Amino acid sequence: MHERSSVAELAGILRGELDRYSPGEKLPSSRSLVDRFRASPVTVSRALAVLVAEGLVTTRPGAGAFRAEPAAAALAPRGDTSWQQVALSAEPGDRTVPRSVEAGRVLAAFTPAPPGVIDLCGGYLHPALQPERALAAALARAGRRPGAWERPPLEGVGALRAWFAREIGGPGGTVTDADVLITAGGQSALTTALRALAPPGAPVLVESPTYPGVLAAARASGLRPVPVPVDADGVRTDLLADAFRATGARVFFTQPLFQNPTGAVLSAARRREVLRLARAAGAFVVEDDFARRLAHEDAPPLPPTLASEDPDGVVVHLCSLTKFTSPSLRVGALAARGPVFDRLRAVQIVDSFFVPRPVQEAALELIGSPAWARHGRAVAGELRVRREALLGAMRRELPSAGVDFAPPGGFHVWARLPDGMDEAGVVAAALREGVAVAPGRLYFAAEPPAAYVRLCMAGVGGVGELGEGVRRLGVAMRRC
């Protein structure tokens, strides 16, 4: 059993047995728990730590663990917070785009599935696919580096900036370390870019469908997302030209490689056209290169980044290590040329000063270790196996669902539901059957053209669980 799962399971068993003990009564010793559950001392210690953190158990050095005394009920009366509804909603002047901070679009990636529910909704690697040992070793080595706990340069540690510059610029070396700003993951980079590039109330062009995080970040910054449709070759550049003319937008957000959720790869002709249209409009292209390290084992050679083909500073590039490693390794980068770099740097400094140096040093240790390449090969092979397993299960269990493109990269398959089928009803029925899927409406800035669900292959324990999740979804669809 995976260590993380065994800790949670043991904590659950002990939590359920607490009623056998009176408040203040001593619990069985750690040694007896080790013998009873045939668990390691580390697992027992961590399970007890979970109960301590929940306030259910207390520990006394040398004495053992005890059931905690019940917490005293709060005696202070609750205040009247109704005034906040007015304060948070009032918009001074003639603001036409009220600021709305709504995290619902992105919470699906962070909300654990209920017990017994197969999670086809998340956006991170399953713990079994994460390089946990390599991460732990990198973090330990990083903590011993000279100066590891000193304040880092505000732009980021130089060696890490240089590594990202090589990754983004490619063999031609078109991006330098002076063009790179280290960020606390991809979402932080995205939020910084939107705030730096567009004033409140401005339109921002986005692909349709698109990553829900960009819609949430744009609206939280008081921006107005304007959708531009995507097909199998990426964004429709004819409609992108129309959108630039109609809105006067100065920012276009795109995921040109294995786009989330469709998996589309921007074609060579459209890559050139996107850059041409943006230059003509005096606009920035925000390139979210989230999936470059998530290419499957059988993927063809990947196109270079848009940033590597842009000498004029049109592209603001963002990427991160998080999707490829662990949700807690929040290290990413922004790359930009010209005065916009100073704007990006200033926004990040005001927001968070800098990314903690030990985290940057740990990232350096990881990418410089032999485990980095091994992890890449393992993920590429496993994602190819899971993609084929998912598509095979969908052909068997969901013959009426449409899949326009099966990408050789990324985590997701975008499935169109049969005409007339209620998307919300399918998602709710699926949850009742024991599988969580993401509703397609979350990925659209305006009214969806059809009903969709997004299925994630990376967050489950293996192909067996993946197949069972699709089977449960098929049952749900047949009952709708």
Protein backbone atom coordinates (compact mmCIF):
# COMPACT_ATOMS: atom_id res chain seq x y z
CA MET A 1 0.00 0.00 0.00
CA HIS A 2 1.23 3.48 -0.77
CA GLU A 3 2.53 5.16 2.40
CA ARG A 4 0.23 8.18 2.04
CA SER A 5 -2.84 5.93 1.70
CA SER A 6 -1.84 3.72 4.64
CA VAL A 7 -1.43 6.73 6.93
CA ALA A 8 -4.89 8.01 6.02
CA GLU A 9 -6.41 4.54 6.44
CA LEU A 10 -4.85 3.98 9.86
CA ALA A 11 -5.86 7.47 11.02
CA GLY A 12 -9.42 6.70 9.97
CA ILE A 13 -9.48 3.45 11.94
CA LEU A 14 -8.09 5.10 15.07
CA ARG A 15 -10.52 8.01 14.72
CA GLY A 16 -13.41 5.56 14.64
CA GLU A 17 -12.19 3.83 17.82
CA LEU A 18 -11.78 6.96 19.94
CA ASP A 19 -15.26 6.57 21.47
CA ARG A 20 -13.96 3.55 23.36
CA TYR A 21 -11.85 5.87 25.50
CA SER A 22 -12.87 8.56 27.96
CA PRO A 23 -11.43 12.07 27.59
CA GLY A 24 -7.93 12.01 29.03
CA GLU A 25 -7.66 8.20 28.87
CA LYS A 26 -4.45 6.77 27.47
CA LEU A 27 -4.55 5.15 24.03
CA PRO A 28 -2.65 1.95 23.15
CA SER A 29 1.10 2.42 22.82
CA SER A 30 2.72 2.99 19.46
CA ARG A 31 4.43 -0.39 19.72
CA SER A 32 1.11 -2.16 20.23
CA LEU A 33 -0.36 -0.32 17.22
CA VAL A 34 2.63 -1.40 15.13
CA ASP A 35 2.05 -5.02 16.11
CA ARG A 36 -1.72 -4.89 15.73
CA PHE A 37 -1.84 -3.26 12.27
CA ARG A 38 1.49 -4.59 10.99
CA ALA A 39 2.39 -1.03 10.12
CA SER A 40 5.74 0.69 10.30
CA PRO A 41 6.52 2.94 13.29
CA VAL A 42 6.64 5.88 10.87
CA THR A 43 3.11 5.14 9.62
CA VAL A 44 1.78 4.89 13.18
CA SER A 45 3.51 8.12 14.17
CA ARG A 46 2.09 9.98 11.17
CA ALA A 47 -1.43 8.62 11.74
CA LEU A 48 -1.34 9.82 15.36
CA ALA A 49 -0.04 13.18 14.15
CA VAL A 50 -3.14 13.49 11.94
CA LEU A 51 -5.39 13.01 14.97
CA VAL A 52 -3.33 15.48 17.01
CA ALA A 53 -3.73 18.07 14.24
CA GLU A 54 -7.50 17.47 14.31
CA GLY A 55 -7.58 18.13 18.06
CA LEU A 56 -8.78 14.58 18.83
CA VAL A 57 -5.61 13.31 20.49
CA THR A 58 -2.89 14.83 22.64
CA THR A 59 0.60 13.46 23.20
CA ARG A 60 2.88 13.76 26.21
CA PRO A 61 6.60 13.09 25.79
CA GLY A 62 7.51 9.85 27.53
CA ALA A 63 3.90 9.12 28.51
CA GLY A 64 2.13 8.33 25.22
CA ALA A 65 -1.03 9.44 23.43
CA PHE A 66 -4.34 10.34 25.12
CA ARG A 67 -7.85 11.14 23.97
CA ALA A 68 -8.18 14.91 24.03
CA GLU A 69 -10.60 16.73 26.27
CA PRO A 70 -13.60 18.07 24.33
CA ALA A 71 -13.08 21.63 23.18
CA ALA A 72 -15.05 24.22 25.11
CA ALA A 73 -17.88 25.74 23.14
CA ALA A 74 -17.22 29.25 21.94
CA LEU A 75 -18.91 31.70 24.31
CA ALA A 76 -18.44 34.88 22.33
CA PRO A 77 -21.59 35.92 20.44
CA ARG A 78 -21.37 35.98 16.65
CA GLY A 79 -21.25 39.44 15.19
CA ASP A 80 -23.34 40.85 12.36
CA THR A 81 -21.34 40.60 9.12
CA SER A 82 -24.23 41.44 6.79
CA TRP A 83 -22.70 44.88 6.09
CA GLN A 84 -19.96 43.11 4.09
CA GLN A 85 -22.42 42.23 1.33
CA VAL A 86 -22.68 45.92 0.49
CA ALA A 87 -18.99 46.68 0.97
CA LEU A 88 -17.83 43.82 -1.27
CA SER A 89 -20.39 44.52 -4.00
CA ALA A 90 -20.29 48.31 -4.30
CA GLU A 91 -18.38 49.56 -7.37
CA PRO A 92 -17.39 53.24 -7.42
CA GLY A 93 -17.83 55.32 -10.54
CA ASP A 94 -19.04 53.77 -13.77
CA ARG A 95 -17.13 50.49 -13.70
CA THR A 96 -18.84 48.23 -16.25
CA VAL A 97 -16.97 45.06 -15.32
CA PRO A 98 -17.45 44.42 -11.59
CA ARG A 99 -14.66 42.50 -9.94
CA SER A 100 -15.79 38.99 -8.97
CA VAL A 101 -13.55 36.59 -7.06
CA GLU A 102 -14.94 33.11 -7.65
CA ALA A 103 -12.77 30.02 -7.16
CA GLY A 104 -15.40 27.48 -8.12
CA ARG A 105 -13.92 26.93 -11.58
CA VAL A 106 -10.59 25.74 -10.16
CA LEU A 107 -11.64 24.00 -6.96
CA ALA A 108 -12.27 20.71 -8.75
CA ALA A 109 -8.52 20.14 -9.02
CA PHE A 110 -8.12 20.49 -5.25
CA THR A 111 -11.25 18.92 -3.78
CA PRO A 112 -10.60 15.31 -2.74
CA ALA A 113 -13.09 12.82 -4.10
CA PRO A 114 -15.36 11.31 -1.42
CA PRO A 115 -14.40 7.83 -0.18
CA GLY A 116 -15.14 5.20 -2.80
CA VAL A 117 -15.38 7.74 -5.64
CA ILE A 118 -12.94 7.42 -8.56
CA ASP A 119 -11.49 10.82 -9.40
CA LEU A 120 -11.42 11.57 -13.16
CA CYS A 121 -11.68 15.27 -12.41
CA GLY A 122 -8.33 16.38 -11.00
CA GLY A 123 -5.38 17.99 -12.68
CA TYR A 124 -2.30 16.52 -10.99
CA LEU A 125 -0.33 13.30 -11.08
CA HIS A 126 -1.46 10.55 -8.74
CA PRO A 127 0.93 10.19 -5.76
CA ALA A 128 2.15 6.90 -7.24
CA LEU A 129 3.38 8.84 -10.32
CA GLN A 130 5.03 11.66 -8.40
CA PRO A 131 8.82 11.48 -7.84
CA GLU A 132 8.42 11.63 -4.06
CA ARG A 133 11.77 10.07 -3.17
CA ALA A 134 13.64 12.32 -5.58
CA LEU A 135 11.76 15.35 -4.25
CA ALA A 136 12.57 14.45 -0.65
CA ALA A 137 16.23 13.94 -1.47
CA ALA A 138 16.37 17.21 -3.42
CA LEU A 139 14.77 19.13 -0.57
CA ALA A 140 17.22 17.65 1.94
CA ARG A 141 20.22 18.53 -0.22
CA ALA A 142 18.85 22.01 -0.91
CA GLY A 143 18.59 22.79 2.78
CA ARG A 144 22.32 22.17 3.16
CA ARG A 145 23.40 24.36 0.25
CA PRO A 146 25.50 27.38 1.22
CA GLY A 147 23.22 30.40 1.49
CA ALA A 148 20.08 28.29 1.01
CA TRP A 149 18.21 30.24 3.70
CA GLU A 150 19.31 33.69 2.61
CA ARG A 151 17.04 36.03 0.66
CA PRO A 152 17.23 35.14 -3.04
CA PRO A 153 17.53 37.66 -5.88
CA LEU A 154 14.09 39.12 -6.49
CA GLU A 155 14.03 37.76 -10.04
CA GLY A 156 15.03 34.28 -8.86
CA VAL A 157 18.17 32.22 -8.34
CA GLY A 158 20.46 32.71 -11.31
CA ALA A 159 21.10 29.04 -12.10
CA LEU A 160 17.36 28.30 -12.10
CA ARG A 161 16.63 31.27 -14.36
CA ALA A 162 19.31 30.03 -16.76
CA TRP A 163 17.82 26.52 -16.83
CA PHE A 164 14.34 27.84 -17.62
CA ALA A 165 15.83 30.11 -20.31
CA ARG A 166 17.35 27.08 -22.07
CA GLU A 167 14.11 25.11 -21.76
CA ILE A 168 12.00 27.96 -23.16
CA GLY A 169 14.39 29.23 -25.81
CA GLY A 170 15.40 25.86 -27.17
CA PRO A 171 18.63 24.97 -28.96
CA GLY A 172 18.79 28.40 -30.59
CA GLY A 173 19.18 30.10 -27.25
CA THR A 174 16.74 32.87 -28.11
CA VAL A 175 15.76 33.39 -24.45
CA THR A 176 18.35 34.49 -21.88
CA ASP A 177 18.33 34.23 -18.12
CA ALA A 178 17.81 38.01 -17.99
CA ASP A 179 14.42 37.42 -19.67
CA VAL A 180 13.21 34.99 -16.95
CA LEU A 181 11.37 35.68 -13.70
CA ILE A 182 10.92 32.77 -11.26
CA THR A 183 7.35 32.47 -9.97
CA ALA A 184 5.46 30.43 -7.38
CA GLY A 185 3.98 28.05 -9.95
CA GLY A 186 2.01 28.51 -13.14
CA GLN A 187 -1.17 30.00 -11.67
CA SER A 188 0.84 32.71 -9.91
CA ALA A 189 2.62 33.45 -13.19
CA LEU A 190 -0.71 33.68 -15.02
CA THR A 191 -2.24 36.03 -12.46
CA THR A 192 0.86 38.24 -12.52
CA ALA A 193 0.78 38.40 -16.31
CA LEU A 194 -2.89 39.37 -16.51
CA ARG A 195 -2.52 42.08 -13.88
CA ALA A 196 0.58 43.45 -15.59
CA LEU A 197 -0.78 43.48 -19.13
CA ALA A 198 -4.39 44.64 -18.86
CA PRO A 199 -6.12 47.35 -16.78
CA PRO A 200 -9.36 46.58 -14.92
CA GLY A 201 -12.33 46.55 -17.27
CA ALA A 202 -10.27 45.56 -20.32
CA PRO A 203 -11.18 42.64 -22.61
CA VAL A 204 -8.86 39.61 -22.69
CA LEU A 205 -9.14 37.15 -25.58
CA VAL A 206 -9.15 33.49 -24.51
CA GLU A 207 -9.50 30.22 -26.35
CA SER A 208 -12.91 28.56 -26.22
CA PRO A 209 -12.98 26.21 -24.46
CA THR A 210 -10.07 27.12 -22.19
CA TYR A 211 -8.40 26.48 -18.86
CA PRO A 212 -10.86 27.52 -16.10
CA GLY A 213 -8.05 29.09 -14.07
CA VAL A 214 -7.56 31.85 -16.63
CA LEU A 215 -11.27 32.71 -16.54
CA ALA A 216 -11.21 32.89 -12.74
CA ALA A 217 -7.98 34.94 -12.66
CA ALA A 218 -9.22 37.37 -15.31
CA ARG A 219 -12.51 38.04 -13.57
CA ALA A 220 -10.81 38.39 -10.19
CA SER A 221 -8.67 41.13 -11.77
CA GLY A 222 -11.74 42.91 -13.17
CA LEU A 223 -11.05 41.80 -16.76
CA ARG A 224 -13.57 40.61 -19.34
CA PRO A 225 -12.76 37.24 -21.00
CA VAL A 226 -13.82 37.13 -24.66
CA PRO A 227 -13.94 33.62 -26.20
CA VAL A 228 -12.33 32.66 -29.52
CA PRO A 229 -13.21 29.13 -30.73
CA VAL A 230 -10.66 26.30 -30.99
CA ASP A 231 -10.63 23.33 -33.36
CA ALA A 232 -8.22 20.41 -33.83
CA ASP A 233 -5.51 22.78 -35.13
CA GLY A 234 -5.77 25.20 -32.23
CA VAL A 235 -7.34 28.63 -32.09
CA ARG A 236 -9.33 29.73 -35.17
CA THR A 237 -7.11 32.56 -36.41
CA ASP A 238 -9.82 33.95 -38.70
CA LEU A 239 -12.02 34.46 -35.66
CA LEU A 240 -9.04 35.71 -33.64
CA ALA A 241 -8.58 38.49 -36.19
CA ASP A 242 -12.26 39.38 -35.88
CA ALA A 243 -12.01 39.40 -32.07
CA PHE A 244 -9.00 41.75 -32.07
CA ARG A 245 -10.88 44.16 -34.36
CA ALA A 246 -14.17 43.98 -32.49
CA THR A 247 -12.83 44.35 -28.96
CA GLY A 248 -9.58 46.27 -29.23
CA ALA A 249 -8.08 43.70 -26.87
CA ARG A 250 -4.37 43.93 -26.09
CA VAL A 251 -3.98 40.43 -24.59
CA PHE A 252 -4.61 36.95 -25.99
CA PHE A 253 -4.20 33.88 -23.75
CA THR A 254 -3.33 30.60 -25.47
CA GLN A 255 -2.15 27.08 -24.70
CA PRO A 256 -0.62 26.12 -28.05
CA LEU A 257 0.62 22.67 -26.97
CA PHE A 258 -1.86 19.98 -25.79
CA GLN A 259 -4.44 22.61 -24.95
CA ASN A 260 -6.57 22.15 -21.85
CA PRO A 261 -9.19 20.74 -22.26
CA THR A 262 -9.24 19.78 -25.97
CA GLY A 263 -5.63 18.60 -26.34
CA ALA A 264 -5.25 20.57 -29.58
CA VAL A 265 -1.78 21.51 -30.86
CA LEU A 266 -1.53 24.84 -32.68
CA SER A 267 -0.57 24.18 -36.31
CA ALA A 268 2.54 25.70 -37.85
CA ALA A 269 0.54 28.02 -40.12
CA ARG A 270 -1.60 29.25 -37.25
CA ARG A 271 1.45 29.78 -35.02
CA ARG A 272 2.77 32.31 -37.53
CA GLU A 273 -0.64 33.90 -37.91
CA VAL A 274 -1.18 34.30 -34.16
CA LEU A 275 2.08 36.23 -33.86
CA ARG A 276 1.30 38.33 -36.95
CA LEU A 277 -2.17 39.25 -35.73
CA ALA A 278 -0.90 40.17 -32.28
CA ARG A 279 1.86 42.39 -33.69
CA ALA A 280 -0.67 44.12 -35.95
CA ALA A 281 -3.01 44.72 -33.00
CA GLY A 282 -0.23 45.91 -30.69
CA ALA A 283 -1.19 43.08 -28.36
CA PHE A 284 0.59 40.57 -26.14
CA VAL A 285 0.26 36.80 -26.48
CA VAL A 286 0.33 35.02 -23.12
CA GLU A 287 1.67 31.53 -23.91
CA ASP A 288 0.84 28.94 -21.25
CA ASP A 289 3.21 26.05 -21.95
CA PHE A 290 1.91 23.87 -19.11
CA ALA A 291 2.09 20.51 -20.90
CA ARG A 292 5.53 20.39 -22.60
CA ARG A 293 6.86 17.87 -20.06
CA LEU A 294 3.65 15.82 -20.31
CA ALA A 295 4.23 14.50 -23.84
CA HIS A 296 3.38 10.82 -24.13
CA GLU A 297 5.91 8.18 -25.08
CA ASP A 298 4.65 8.02 -28.68
CA ALA A 299 4.33 11.79 -29.23
CA PRO A 300 5.95 13.22 -32.37
CA PRO A 301 8.69 15.86 -32.03
CA LEU A 302 7.24 18.87 -30.21
CA PRO A 303 7.07 22.30 -31.82
CA PRO A 304 9.21 25.01 -30.20
CA THR A 305 7.65 27.55 -27.89
CA LEU A 306 6.09 30.64 -29.43
CA ALA A 307 8.49 32.68 -27.29
CA SER A 308 11.49 31.13 -29.06
CA GLU A 309 10.18 32.42 -32.42
CA ASP A 310 9.36 35.93 -31.22
CA PRO A 311 12.22 38.47 -31.20
CA ASP A 312 9.91 41.46 -30.66
CA GLY A 313 8.57 40.81 -27.16
CA VAL A 314 5.03 39.98 -28.28
CA VAL A 315 4.96 36.71 -26.31
CA VAL A 316 4.88 36.51 -22.53
CA HIS A 317 5.66 32.87 -21.81
CA LEU A 318 4.76 30.98 -18.66
CA CYS A 319 5.51 27.43 -17.55
CA SER A 320 6.04 25.47 -14.35
CA LEU A 321 7.40 22.26 -12.84
CA THR A 322 4.25 21.57 -10.83
CA LYS A 323 2.15 19.44 -13.21
CA PHE A 324 5.15 17.23 -13.95
CA THR A 325 6.19 16.65 -10.35
CA SER A 326 3.93 17.48 -7.41
CA PRO A 327 1.21 20.03 -6.64
CA SER A 328 3.42 21.23 -3.77
CA LEU A 329 6.50 22.01 -5.90
CA ARG A 330 5.18 25.42 -6.87
CA VAL A 331 8.04 26.66 -9.03
CA GLY A 332 7.45 28.25 -12.42
CA ALA A 333 8.75 30.95 -14.70
CA LEU A 334 7.68 33.95 -16.75
CA ALA A 335 9.76 34.90 -19.78
CA ALA A 336 9.39 38.28 -21.47
CA ARG A 337 11.44 40.84 -23.38
CA GLY A 338 11.43 44.61 -23.14
CA PRO A 339 9.77 46.98 -20.69
CA VAL A 340 7.05 44.43 -19.92
CA PHE A 341 9.59 42.39 -17.95
CA ASP A 342 10.00 45.24 -15.48
CA ARG A 343 6.22 45.49 -15.16
CA LEU A 344 5.92 41.76 -14.44
CA ARG A 345 8.74 41.93 -11.92
CA ALA A 346 7.15 44.89 -10.15
CA VAL A 347 3.75 43.18 -9.87
CA GLN A 348 5.31 40.05 -8.38
CA ILE A 349 7.41 42.02 -5.90
CA VAL A 350 4.36 43.94 -4.70
CA ASP A 351 2.32 40.75 -4.38
CA SER A 352 4.78 38.34 -2.77
CA PHE A 353 8.35 39.77 -2.80
CA PHE A 354 9.99 36.56 -4.10
CA VAL A 355 9.80 32.77 -4.27
CA PRO A 356 11.40 31.21 -1.15
CA ARG A 357 15.02 30.31 -1.83
CA PRO A 358 14.90 26.77 -0.35
CA VAL A 359 12.12 25.90 -2.82
CA GLN A 360 14.17 27.24 -5.73
CA GLU A 361 17.26 25.37 -4.54
CA ALA A 362 15.24 22.16 -4.21
CA ALA A 363 14.01 22.59 -7.79
CA LEU A 364 17.63 23.01 -8.93
CA GLU A 365 18.66 19.86 -7.08
CA LEU A 366 15.81 17.92 -8.69
CA ILE A 367 16.37 19.00 -12.29
CA GLY A 368 20.10 18.37 -11.94
CA SER A 369 19.72 14.82 -10.61
CA PRO A 370 19.64 11.55 -12.63
CA ALA A 371 16.12 11.03 -11.23
CA TRP A 372 14.81 13.89 -13.40
CA ALA A 373 15.33 12.06 -16.70
CA ARG A 374 14.11 8.76 -15.23
CA HIS A 375 10.94 10.44 -14.00
CA GLY A 376 10.35 11.94 -17.43
CA ARG A 377 10.59 8.56 -19.13
CA ALA A 378 8.34 6.92 -16.55
CA VAL A 379 5.62 9.58 -16.87
CA ALA A 380 5.74 9.56 -20.67
CA GLY A 381 5.33 5.79 -20.78
CA GLU A 382 2.60 5.66 -18.16
CA LEU A 383 0.56 8.45 -19.76
CA ARG A 384 0.65 6.64 -23.12
CA VAL A 385 -0.61 3.45 -21.47
CA ARG A 386 -3.33 5.34 -19.63
CA ARG A 387 -4.43 7.22 -22.75
CA GLU A 388 -4.91 3.98 -24.67
CA ALA A 389 -6.70 2.39 -21.71
CA LEU A 390 -9.01 5.39 -21.36
CA LEU A 391 -9.86 5.52 -25.06
CA GLY A 392 -10.45 1.76 -25.15
CA ALA A 393 -12.76 1.95 -22.16
CA MET A 394 -14.64 4.85 -23.72
CA ARG A 395 -15.18 2.89 -26.94
CA ARG A 396 -16.66 0.03 -24.92
CA GLU A 397 -18.63 1.92 -22.30
CA LEU A 398 -19.39 5.32 -23.90
CA PRO A 399 -19.99 4.60 -27.61
CA SER A 400 -22.31 7.60 -27.91
CA ALA A 401 -19.73 10.10 -26.61
CA GLY A 402 -17.66 11.94 -29.20
CA VAL A 403 -13.89 12.43 -28.99
CA ASP A 404 -12.63 14.67 -31.79
CA PHE A 405 -8.96 14.44 -30.87
CA ALA A 406 -6.92 12.06 -28.72
CA PRO A 407 -3.81 14.08 -27.89
CA PRO A 408 -0.40 12.38 -27.48
CA GLY A 409 0.26 14.65 -24.53
CA GLY A 410 -1.33 16.10 -21.42
CA PHE A 411 -3.68 14.52 -18.90
CA HIS A 412 -7.11 14.89 -20.45
CA VAL A 413 -9.64 13.64 -22.95
CA TRP A 414 -12.44 16.02 -23.97
CA ALA A 415 -15.67 14.11 -24.60
CA ARG A 416 -18.79 15.53 -26.26
CA LEU A 417 -22.05 14.19 -24.84
CA PRO A 418 -24.86 13.10 -27.15
CA ASP A 419 -27.17 15.83 -28.39
CA GLY A 420 -29.91 16.60 -25.90
CA MET A 421 -28.17 14.98 -22.94
CA ASP A 422 -28.11 17.16 -19.82
CA GLU A 423 -24.50 17.83 -18.83
CA ALA A 424 -25.25 18.73 -15.22
CA GLY A 425 -27.44 15.67 -14.90
CA VAL A 426 -24.69 13.40 -16.21
CA VAL A 427 -22.12 14.85 -13.81
CA ALA A 428 -24.47 14.45 -10.84
CA ALA A 429 -25.48 10.92 -11.86
CA ALA A 430 -21.82 9.98 -12.31
CA LEU A 431 -21.04 11.10 -8.78
CA ARG A 432 -23.89 8.95 -7.48
CA GLU A 433 -22.39 6.00 -9.36
CA GLY A 434 -19.01 6.66 -7.76
CA VAL A 435 -17.00 8.60 -10.33
CA ALA A 436 -16.18 12.33 -10.45
CA VAL A 437 -15.88 14.06 -13.85
CA ALA A 438 -15.49 17.72 -14.75
CA PRO A 439 -18.48 19.44 -16.42
CA GLY A 440 -17.66 21.10 -19.72
CA ARG A 441 -19.41 24.38 -18.91
CA LEU A 442 -16.54 25.33 -16.57
CA TYR A 443 -14.26 25.68 -19.60
CA PHE A 444 -16.31 28.24 -21.51
CA ALA A 445 -16.28 32.01 -21.06
CA ALA A 446 -19.76 32.24 -22.61
CA GLU A 447 -22.56 29.81 -23.47
CA PRO A 448 -21.19 26.35 -24.43
CA PRO A 449 -21.99 25.20 -27.98
CA ALA A 450 -22.66 21.64 -26.73
CA ALA A 451 -22.48 19.46 -23.62
CA TYR A 452 -19.06 18.07 -22.68
CA VAL A 453 -17.18 16.37 -19.88
CA ARG A 454 -13.43 16.34 -19.32
CA LEU A 455 -11.84 13.08 -18.18
CA CYS A 456 -8.44 13.15 -16.47
CA MET A 457 -6.29 10.01 -16.73
CA ALA A 458 -3.50 11.05 -14.35
CA GLY A 459 -5.17 11.27 -10.95
CA VAL A 460 -6.16 7.60 -10.52
CA GLY A 461 -4.09 4.74 -9.19
CA GLY A 462 -3.84 2.77 -12.44
CA VAL A 463 -5.52 1.54 -15.60
CA GLY A 464 -7.88 -0.75 -13.68
CA GLU A 465 -9.29 2.16 -11.71
CA LEU A 466 -9.45 4.19 -14.91
CA GLY A 467 -11.50 1.54 -16.67
CA GLU A 468 -13.85 1.15 -13.71
CA GLY A 469 -14.38 4.92 -13.62
CA VAL A 470 -15.40 4.95 -17.29
CA ARG A 471 -17.72 1.98 -16.69
CA ARG A 472 -19.46 3.90 -13.89
CA LEU A 473 -19.77 6.94 -16.13
CA GLY A 474 -21.38 4.76 -18.80
CA VAL A 475 -23.94 3.54 -16.27
CA ALA A 476 -24.69 7.14 -15.29
CA MET A 477 -25.14 8.23 -18.91
CA ARG A 478 -27.52 5.36 -19.66
CA ARG A 479 -29.67 6.43 -16.71
CA CYS A 480 -29.91 10.05 -17.85
